[in-house]
């Protein structure tokens, strides 16, 4: 979500996390998410799929697999250097392709570190000014961005681990049929609308309210209707 928020801001759009969640979770069947929502979906697809050129091509429909492979091959050397070289290669050819450039830079970083999935670290840490840098300046900016975002990612990971453990612990207290499957959805999504749960509408809303009462999930919008919930 933070990587998507950063990319949306780089494009000059005003949407932030709350609006991005609405853009993808409150869509009606057949509706398109809009530019900001599509950016959010691209990052979600990038992070949830095992890392490969084929998966990245499905994540970034505007880039052909061959082009993605060429850009990734532009990276050489240590992990951050490799990621910076990929970022520079993409932006040199497509200066407005900020989201694809950062997705592929984080993909290159993950590949260099032997991770099976992309983790959006560089995208969450770079600044707009960093995207205009090249060579050694860009590599140094990449190190700074990675340091800052890694610290925040560790803090967030510890917090989410604690919250997820609490949600798992209260699951036996839930009597609704399908509650276990609903909990699994909460454990794998940034935000969940009651309509996304495998329960009837009223039962889903009651389950969400119960989980809030138990301190296991939070209501994210502050609204009385069209609510979203998350760990």
C-alpha atoms as a PDB file:
ATOM      1  CA  UNK A   1       0.000   0.000   0.000  1.00  0.00           C
ATOM      2  CA  UNK A   2       2.804   2.446   0.830  1.00  0.00           C
ATOM      3  CA  UNK A   3       4.558   1.728  -2.440  1.00  0.00           C
ATOM      4  CA  UNK A   4       1.314   2.352  -4.326  1.00  0.00           C
ATOM      5  CA  UNK A   5       0.724   5.536  -2.367  1.00  0.00           C
ATOM      6  CA  UNK A   6       4.222   6.755  -3.256  1.00  0.00           C
ATOM      7  CA  UNK A   7       3.787   5.997  -6.967  1.00  0.00           C
ATOM      8  CA  UNK A   8       0.419   7.744  -7.067  1.00  0.00           C
ATOM      9  CA  UNK A   9       2.007  10.798  -5.444  1.00  0.00           C
ATOM     10  CA  UNK A  10       4.887  10.712  -7.963  1.00  0.00           C
ATOM     11  CA  UNK A  11       2.304  10.879 -10.754  1.00  0.00           C
ATOM     12  CA  UNK A  12       0.826  14.041  -9.237  1.00  0.00           C
ATOM     13  CA  UNK A  13      -2.441  12.482  -8.129  1.00  0.00           C
ATOM     14  CA  UNK A  14      -3.977  13.312  -4.716  1.00  0.00           C
ATOM     15  CA  UNK A  15      -5.163   9.845  -3.627  1.00  0.00           C
ATOM     16  CA  UNK A  16      -3.698   8.430  -0.445  1.00  0.00           C
ATOM     17  CA  UNK A  17      -4.114   5.080   1.328  1.00  0.00           C
ATOM     18  CA  UNK A  18      -7.778   5.540   2.268  1.00  0.00           C
ATOM     19  CA  UNK A  19      -8.783   6.552  -1.256  1.00  0.00           C
ATOM     20  CA  UNK A  20      -6.703   3.743  -2.765  1.00  0.00           C
ATOM     21  CA  UNK A  21      -8.454   1.171  -0.612  1.00  0.00           C
ATOM     22  CA  UNK A  22     -11.817   2.525  -1.714  1.00  0.00           C
ATOM     23  CA  UNK A  23     -10.701   2.468  -5.348  1.00  0.00           C
ATOM     24  CA  UNK A  24     -10.085  -1.279  -5.330  1.00  0.00           C
ATOM     25  CA  UNK A  25     -12.349  -2.666  -2.610  1.00  0.00           C
ATOM     26  CA  UNK A  26     -15.561  -0.809  -3.455  1.00  0.00           C
ATOM     27  CA  UNK A  27     -15.587  -1.571  -7.173  1.00  0.00           C
ATOM     28  CA  UNK A  28     -18.770  -2.940  -8.649  1.00  0.00           C
ATOM     29  CA  UNK A  29     -18.543  -5.891 -11.055  1.00  0.00           C
ATOM     30  CA  UNK A  30     -17.403  -4.620 -14.435  1.00  0.00           C
ATOM     31  CA  UNK A  31     -16.105  -1.286 -13.108  1.00  0.00           C
ATOM     32  CA  UNK A  32     -12.538  -0.162 -13.805  1.00  0.00           C
ATOM     33  CA  UNK A  33     -10.414   1.014 -10.865  1.00  0.00           C
ATOM     34  CA  UNK A  34      -9.089   4.235 -12.418  1.00  0.00           C
ATOM     35  CA  UNK A  35      -5.394   5.234 -12.639  1.00  0.00           C
ATOM     36  CA  UNK A  36      -4.749   5.341  -8.884  1.00  0.00           C
ATOM     37  CA  UNK A  37      -6.609   2.102  -8.251  1.00  0.00           C
ATOM     38  CA  UNK A  38      -4.751   0.394 -11.086  1.00  0.00           C
ATOM     39  CA  UNK A  39      -1.435   1.447  -9.536  1.00  0.00           C
ATOM     40  CA  UNK A  40      -2.536  -0.121  -6.267  1.00  0.00           C
ATOM     41  CA  UNK A  41      -3.582  -3.327  -8.025  1.00  0.00           C
ATOM     42  CA  UNK A  42      -0.246  -3.520  -9.857  1.00  0.00           C
ATOM     43  CA  UNK A  43       1.647  -3.429  -6.585  1.00  0.00           C
ATOM     44  CA  UNK A  44      -0.676  -5.974  -4.996  1.00  0.00           C
ATOM     45  CA  UNK A  45      -0.225  -8.353  -7.931  1.00  0.00           C
ATOM     46  CA  UNK A  46       3.534  -7.797  -7.899  1.00  0.00           C
ATOM     47  CA  UNK A  47       3.863  -8.671  -4.220  1.00  0.00           C
ATOM     48  CA  UNK A  48       1.502 -11.653  -4.063  1.00  0.00           C
ATOM     49  CA  UNK A  49       2.787 -13.621  -7.068  1.00  0.00           C
ATOM     50  CA  UNK A  50       6.012 -15.683  -7.015  1.00  0.00           C
ATOM     51  CA  UNK A  51       8.704 -13.685  -8.767  1.00  0.00           C
ATOM     52  CA  UNK A  52       9.232 -14.429 -12.470  1.00  0.00           C
ATOM     53  CA  UNK A  53       9.289 -12.569 -15.771  1.00  0.00           C
ATOM     54  CA  UNK A  54       5.964 -14.159 -16.697  1.00  0.00           C
ATOM     55  CA  UNK A  55       4.349 -13.021 -13.441  1.00  0.00           C
ATOM     56  CA  UNK A  56       5.752  -9.509 -13.845  1.00  0.00           C
ATOM     57  CA  UNK A  57       4.341  -9.335 -17.377  1.00  0.00           C
ATOM     58  CA  UNK A  58       0.894 -10.157 -15.988  1.00  0.00           C
ATOM     59  CA  UNK A  59       1.412  -7.556 -13.281  1.00  0.00           C
ATOM     60  CA  UNK A  60       2.472  -4.855 -15.757  1.00  0.00           C
ATOM     61  CA  UNK A  61       0.278  -5.417 -18.825  1.00  0.00           C
ATOM     62  CA  UNK A  62       1.898  -2.528 -20.702  1.00  0.00           C
ATOM     63  CA  UNK A  63       5.292  -4.264 -20.768  1.00  0.00           C
ATOM     64  CA  UNK A  64       6.084  -7.328 -22.870  1.00  0.00           C
ATOM     65  CA  UNK A  65       7.935 -10.248 -21.251  1.00  0.00           C
ATOM     66  CA  UNK A  66      10.932  -9.730 -23.524  1.00  0.00           C
ATOM     67  CA  UNK A  67      11.193  -6.070 -22.566  1.00  0.00           C
ATOM     68  CA  UNK A  68      10.909  -6.918 -18.867  1.00  0.00           C
ATOM     69  CA  UNK A  69      13.686  -9.505 -19.191  1.00  0.00           C
ATOM     70  CA  UNK A  70      15.898  -6.968 -20.987  1.00  0.00           C
ATOM     71  CA  UNK A  71      15.376  -4.375 -18.273  1.00  0.00           C
ATOM     72  CA  UNK A  72      16.099  -6.893 -15.510  1.00  0.00           C
ATOM     73  CA  UNK A  73      19.258  -7.981 -17.327  1.00  0.00           C
ATOM     74  CA  UNK A  74      20.480  -4.371 -17.181  1.00  0.00           C
ATOM     75  CA  UNK A  75      21.187  -4.852 -13.474  1.00  0.00           C
ATOM     76  CA  UNK A  76      24.664  -5.997 -12.435  1.00  0.00           C
ATOM     77  CA  UNK A  77      26.631  -6.139  -9.209  1.00  0.00           C
ATOM     78  CA  UNK A  78      25.448  -6.076  -5.575  1.00  0.00           C
ATOM     79  CA  UNK A  79      21.688  -6.070  -4.862  1.00  0.00           C
ATOM     80  CA  UNK A  80      21.096  -2.328  -4.442  1.00  0.00           C
ATOM     81  CA  UNK A  81      23.382  -1.484  -7.368  1.00  0.00           C
ATOM     82  CA  UNK A  82      21.504  -3.967  -9.527  1.00  0.00           C
ATOM     83  CA  UNK A  83      18.148  -2.489  -8.525  1.00  0.00           C
ATOM     84  CA  UNK A  84      19.348   1.062  -9.214  1.00  0.00           C
ATOM     85  CA  UNK A  85      20.621   0.061 -12.658  1.00  0.00           C
ATOM     86  CA  UNK A  86      17.263  -1.499 -13.524  1.00  0.00           C
ATOM     87  CA  UNK A  87      15.439   1.602 -12.293  1.00  0.00           C
ATOM     88  CA  UNK A  88      17.677   3.827 -14.410  1.00  0.00           C
ATOM     89  CA  UNK A  89      17.318   1.592 -17.477  1.00  0.00           C
ATOM     90  CA  UNK A  90      13.522   1.675 -17.374  1.00  0.00           C
ATOM     91  CA  UNK A  91      13.240   5.411 -16.728  1.00  0.00           C
ATOM     92  CA  UNK A  92      15.785   6.178 -19.465  1.00  0.00           C
ATOM     93  CA  UNK A  93      13.543   4.467 -22.001  1.00  0.00           C
ATOM     94  CA  UNK A  94      10.175   5.376 -20.473  1.00  0.00           C
ATOM     95  CA  UNK A  95      10.499   8.458 -18.214  1.00  0.00           C
ATOM     96  CA  UNK A  96       6.817   8.405 -17.240  1.00  0.00           C
ATOM     97  CA  UNK A  97       6.744   4.707 -16.352  1.00  0.00           C
ATOM     98  CA  UNK A  98       7.428   5.303 -12.668  1.00  0.00           C
ATOM     99  CA  UNK A  99       5.394   2.393 -11.335  1.00  0.00           C
ATOM    100  CA  UNK A 100       6.818  -0.237 -13.733  1.00  0.00           C
ATOM    101  CA  UNK A 101      10.320   1.107 -13.076  1.00  0.00           C
ATOM    102  CA  UNK A 102       9.966   0.784  -9.317  1.00  0.00           C
ATOM    103  CA  UNK A 103       8.241  -2.600  -9.521  1.00  0.00           C
ATOM    104  CA  UNK A 104      11.113  -3.932 -11.625  1.00  0.00           C
ATOM    105  CA  UNK A 105      13.735  -2.306  -9.388  1.00  0.00           C
ATOM    106  CA  UNK A 106      12.254  -4.030  -6.352  1.00  0.00           C
ATOM    107  CA  UNK A 107      12.004  -7.242  -8.381  1.00  0.00           C
ATOM    108  CA  UNK A 108      15.712  -6.986  -9.224  1.00  0.00           C
ATOM    109  CA  UNK A 109      16.514  -6.427  -5.551  1.00  0.00           C
ATOM    110  CA  UNK A 110      14.490  -9.496  -4.554  1.00  0.00           C
ATOM    111  CA  UNK A 111      16.144 -11.621  -7.252  1.00  0.00           C
ATOM    112  CA  UNK A 112      19.606 -10.549  -6.118  1.00  0.00           C
ATOM    113  CA  UNK A 113      18.776 -11.449  -2.521  1.00  0.00           C
ATOM    114  CA  UNK A 114      17.253 -14.800  -3.477  1.00  0.00           C
ATOM    115  CA  UNK A 115      13.755 -13.913  -2.289  1.00  0.00           C
ATOM    116  CA  UNK A 116      10.840 -15.793  -3.892  1.00  0.00           C
ATOM    117  CA  UNK A 117       8.554 -12.735  -3.762  1.00  0.00           C
ATOM    118  CA  UNK A 118       9.017  -9.045  -4.432  1.00  0.00           C
ATOM    119  CA  UNK A 119       9.049  -6.844  -1.331  1.00  0.00           C
ATOM    120  CA  UNK A 120       8.281  -3.158  -2.123  1.00  0.00           C
ATOM    121  CA  UNK A 121      11.180  -1.572  -0.260  1.00  0.00           C
ATOM    122  CA  UNK A 122      12.796   0.828  -2.730  1.00  0.00           C
ATOM    123  CA  UNK A 123       9.461   2.163  -3.938  1.00  0.00           C
ATOM    124  CA  UNK A 124       8.454   3.020  -0.388  1.00  0.00           C
ATOM    125  CA  UNK A 125      11.706   4.845   0.308  1.00  0.00           C
ATOM    126  CA  UNK A 126      12.737   6.842  -2.760  1.00  0.00           C
ATOM    127  CA  UNK A 127      11.790  10.467  -3.310  1.00  0.00           C
ATOM    128  CA  UNK A 128      10.663  12.259  -6.441  1.00  0.00           C
ATOM    129  CA  UNK A 129      14.124  13.864  -6.667  1.00  0.00           C
ATOM    130  CA  UNK A 130      15.773  10.428  -6.470  1.00  0.00           C
ATOM    131  CA  UNK A 131      13.981   9.357  -9.649  1.00  0.00           C
ATOM    132  CA  UNK A 132      15.846  12.047 -11.594  1.00  0.00           C
ATOM    133  CA  UNK A 133      19.272  10.813 -10.474  1.00  0.00           C
ATOM    134  CA  UNK A 134      21.612   8.558 -12.406  1.00  0.00           C
ATOM    135  CA  UNK A 135      24.732   6.495 -11.848  1.00  0.00           C
ATOM    136  CA  UNK A 136      26.425   6.718  -8.458  1.00  0.00           C
ATOM    137  CA  UNK A 137      23.942   9.326  -7.229  1.00  0.00           C
ATOM    138  CA  UNK A 138      21.039   6.970  -7.899  1.00  0.00           C
ATOM    139  CA  UNK A 139      22.827   4.043  -6.252  1.00  0.00           C
ATOM    140  CA  UNK A 140      23.487   6.132  -3.137  1.00  0.00           C
ATOM    141  CA  UNK A 141      19.832   7.208  -3.109  1.00  0.00           C
ATOM    142  CA  UNK A 142      18.872   3.540  -3.384  1.00  0.00           C
ATOM    143  CA  UNK A 143      20.916   2.664  -0.303  1.00  0.00           C
ATOM    144  CA  UNK A 144      19.320   5.495   1.670  1.00  0.00           C
ATOM    145  CA  UNK A 145      15.827   4.505   0.521  1.00  0.00           C
ATOM    146  CA  UNK A 146      16.382   0.853   1.380  1.00  0.00           C
ATOM    147  CA  UNK A 147      17.699   1.680   4.849  1.00  0.00           C
ATOM    148  CA  UNK A 148      14.734   3.922   5.652  1.00  0.00           C
ATOM    149  CA  UNK A 149      12.079   1.591   4.279  1.00  0.00           C
ATOM    150  CA  UNK A 150      13.640  -1.545   5.799  1.00  0.00           C
ATOM    151  CA  UNK A 151      13.456  -0.035   9.278  1.00  0.00           C
ATOM    152  CA  UNK A 152       9.798   0.851   8.734  1.00  0.00           C
ATOM    153  CA  UNK A 153       9.081  -2.565   7.187  1.00  0.00           C
ATOM    154  CA  UNK A 154      10.530  -4.332  10.231  1.00  0.00           C
ATOM    155  CA  UNK A 155       8.425  -2.205  12.562  1.00  0.00           C
ATOM    156  CA  UNK A 156       5.301  -2.867  10.513  1.00  0.00           C
ATOM    157  CA  UNK A 157       6.088  -6.582  10.283  1.00  0.00           C
ATOM    158  CA  UNK A 158       6.428  -6.871  14.057  1.00  0.00           C
ATOM    159  CA  UNK A 159       3.141  -5.027  14.563  1.00  0.00           C
ATOM    160  CA  UNK A 160       1.281  -7.136  12.001  1.00  0.00           C
ATOM    161  CA  UNK A 161       2.739 -10.353  13.409  1.00  0.00           C
ATOM    162  CA  UNK A 162       1.411  -9.450  16.839  1.00  0.00           C
ATOM    163  CA  UNK A 163      -2.001  -8.487  15.460  1.00  0.00           C
ATOM    164  CA  UNK A 164      -2.219 -11.618  13.295  1.00  0.00           C
ATOM    165  CA  UNK A 165      -1.388 -13.807  16.294  1.00  0.00           C
ATOM    166  CA  UNK A 166      -4.196 -12.170  18.259  1.00  0.00           C
ATOM    167  CA  UNK A 167      -6.655 -12.682  15.394  1.00  0.00           C
ATOM    168  CA  UNK A 168      -5.678 -16.347  15.176  1.00  0.00           C
ATOM    169  CA  UNK A 169      -6.046 -16.721  18.946  1.00  0.00           C
ATOM    170  CA  UNK A 170      -9.611 -15.383  19.006  1.00  0.00           C
ATOM    171  CA  UNK A 171     -10.778 -17.481  16.046  1.00  0.00           C
ATOM    172  CA  UNK A 172     -12.119 -20.316  18.272  1.00  0.00           C
ATOM    173  CA  UNK A 173     -14.457 -17.774  19.886  1.00  0.00           C
ATOM    174  CA  UNK A 174     -16.194 -17.109  16.568  1.00  0.00           C
ATOM    175  CA  UNK A 175     -19.373 -19.122  16.123  1.00  0.00           C
ATOM    176  CA  UNK A 176     -20.349 -18.069  12.611  1.00  0.00           C
ATOM    177  CA  UNK A 177     -20.171 -20.778   9.984  1.00  0.00           C
ATOM    178  CA  UNK A 178     -17.338 -19.877   7.635  1.00  0.00           C
ATOM    179  CA  UNK A 179     -15.541 -17.783  10.266  1.00  0.00           C
ATOM    180  CA  UNK A 180     -12.309 -19.717   9.803  1.00  0.00           C
ATOM    181  CA  UNK A 181     -12.237 -19.003   6.072  1.00  0.00           C
ATOM    182  CA  UNK A 182     -13.048 -15.354   6.779  1.00  0.00           C
ATOM    183  CA  UNK A 183     -10.113 -15.098   9.175  1.00  0.00           C
ATOM    184  CA  UNK A 184      -7.803 -16.479   6.470  1.00  0.00           C
ATOM    185  CA  UNK A 185      -8.942 -13.651   4.193  1.00  0.00           C
ATOM    186  CA  UNK A 186      -8.151 -11.064   6.859  1.00  0.00           C
ATOM    187  CA  UNK A 187      -4.690 -12.582   7.283  1.00  0.00           C
ATOM    188  CA  UNK A 188      -3.847 -12.163   3.595  1.00  0.00           C
ATOM    189  CA  UNK A 189      -5.425  -8.801   2.690  1.00  0.00           C
ATOM    190  CA  UNK A 190      -4.603  -5.211   3.540  1.00  0.00           C
ATOM    191  CA  UNK A 191      -8.313  -4.416   3.769  1.00  0.00           C
ATOM    192  CA  UNK A 192     -11.506  -6.446   3.527  1.00  0.00           C
ATOM    193  CA  UNK A 193     -15.078  -5.416   2.776  1.00  0.00           C
ATOM    194  CA  UNK A 194     -17.751  -7.548   4.487  1.00  0.00           C
ATOM    195  CA  UNK A 195     -19.063  -8.466   1.035  1.00  0.00           C
ATOM    196  CA  UNK A 196     -15.731 -10.206   0.303  1.00  0.00           C
ATOM    197  CA  UNK A 197     -16.234 -12.700   3.130  1.00  0.00           C
ATOM    198  CA  UNK A 198     -17.740 -16.166   2.499  1.00  0.00           C
ATOM    199  CA  UNK A 199     -20.812 -15.419   4.614  1.00  0.00           C
ATOM    200  CA  UNK A 200     -24.259 -13.896   4.012  1.00  0.00           C
ATOM    201  CA  UNK A 201     -24.185 -10.081   4.140  1.00  0.00           C
ATOM    202  CA  UNK A 202     -25.687  -9.701   7.600  1.00  0.00           C
ATOM    203  CA  UNK A 203     -23.537 -12.463   9.077  1.00  0.00           C
ATOM    204  CA  UNK A 204     -20.431 -10.931   7.508  1.00  0.00           C
ATOM    205  CA  UNK A 205     -21.153  -7.537   9.038  1.00  0.00           C
ATOM    206  CA  UNK A 206     -21.813  -9.126  12.433  1.00  0.00           C
ATOM    207  CA  UNK A 207     -18.550 -11.043  12.218  1.00  0.00           C
ATOM    208  CA  UNK A 208     -16.620  -7.858  11.415  1.00  0.00           C
ATOM    209  CA  UNK A 209     -18.232  -6.062  14.359  1.00  0.00           C
ATOM    210  CA  UNK A 210     -17.397  -9.010  16.617  1.00  0.00           C
ATOM    211  CA  UNK A 211     -13.762  -8.984  15.522  1.00  0.00           C
ATOM    212  CA  UNK A 212     -13.556  -5.252  16.205  1.00  0.00           C
ATOM    213  CA  UNK A 213     -15.016  -5.810  19.681  1.00  0.00           C
ATOM    214  CA  UNK A 214     -12.375  -8.483  20.301  1.00  0.00           C
ATOM    215  CA  UNK A 215      -9.614  -6.107  19.203  1.00  0.00           C
ATOM    216  CA  UNK A 216      -8.664  -8.491  16.395  1.00  0.00           C
ATOM    217  CA  UNK A 217      -9.324  -6.186  13.417  1.00  0.00           C
ATOM    218  CA  UNK A 218      -9.792  -2.467  12.935  1.00  0.00           C
ATOM    219  CA  UNK A 219     -12.408  -0.536  10.988  1.00  0.00           C
ATOM    220  CA  UNK A 220     -10.321   1.506   8.560  1.00  0.00           C
ATOM    221  CA  UNK A 221     -12.672   4.146   7.151  1.00  0.00           C
ATOM    222  CA  UNK A 222     -14.497   5.779  10.058  1.00  0.00           C
ATOM    223  CA  UNK A 223     -17.703   5.561   8.014  1.00  0.00           C
ATOM    224  CA  UNK A 224     -21.096   4.203   8.977  1.00  0.00           C
ATOM    225  CA  UNK A 225     -21.509   2.535   5.588  1.00  0.00           C
ATOM    226  CA  UNK A 226     -19.189   1.006   2.982  1.00  0.00           C
ATOM    227  CA  UNK A 227     -16.808   0.023   5.733  1.00  0.00           C
ATOM    228  CA  UNK A 228     -13.462  -1.712   5.309  1.00  0.00           C
ATOM    229  CA  UNK A 229     -11.657  -3.769   7.929  1.00  0.00           C
ATOM    230  CA  UNK A 230      -8.084  -4.893   8.361  1.00  0.00           C
ATOM    231  CA  UNK A 231      -5.638  -6.446  10.776  1.00  0.00           C
END
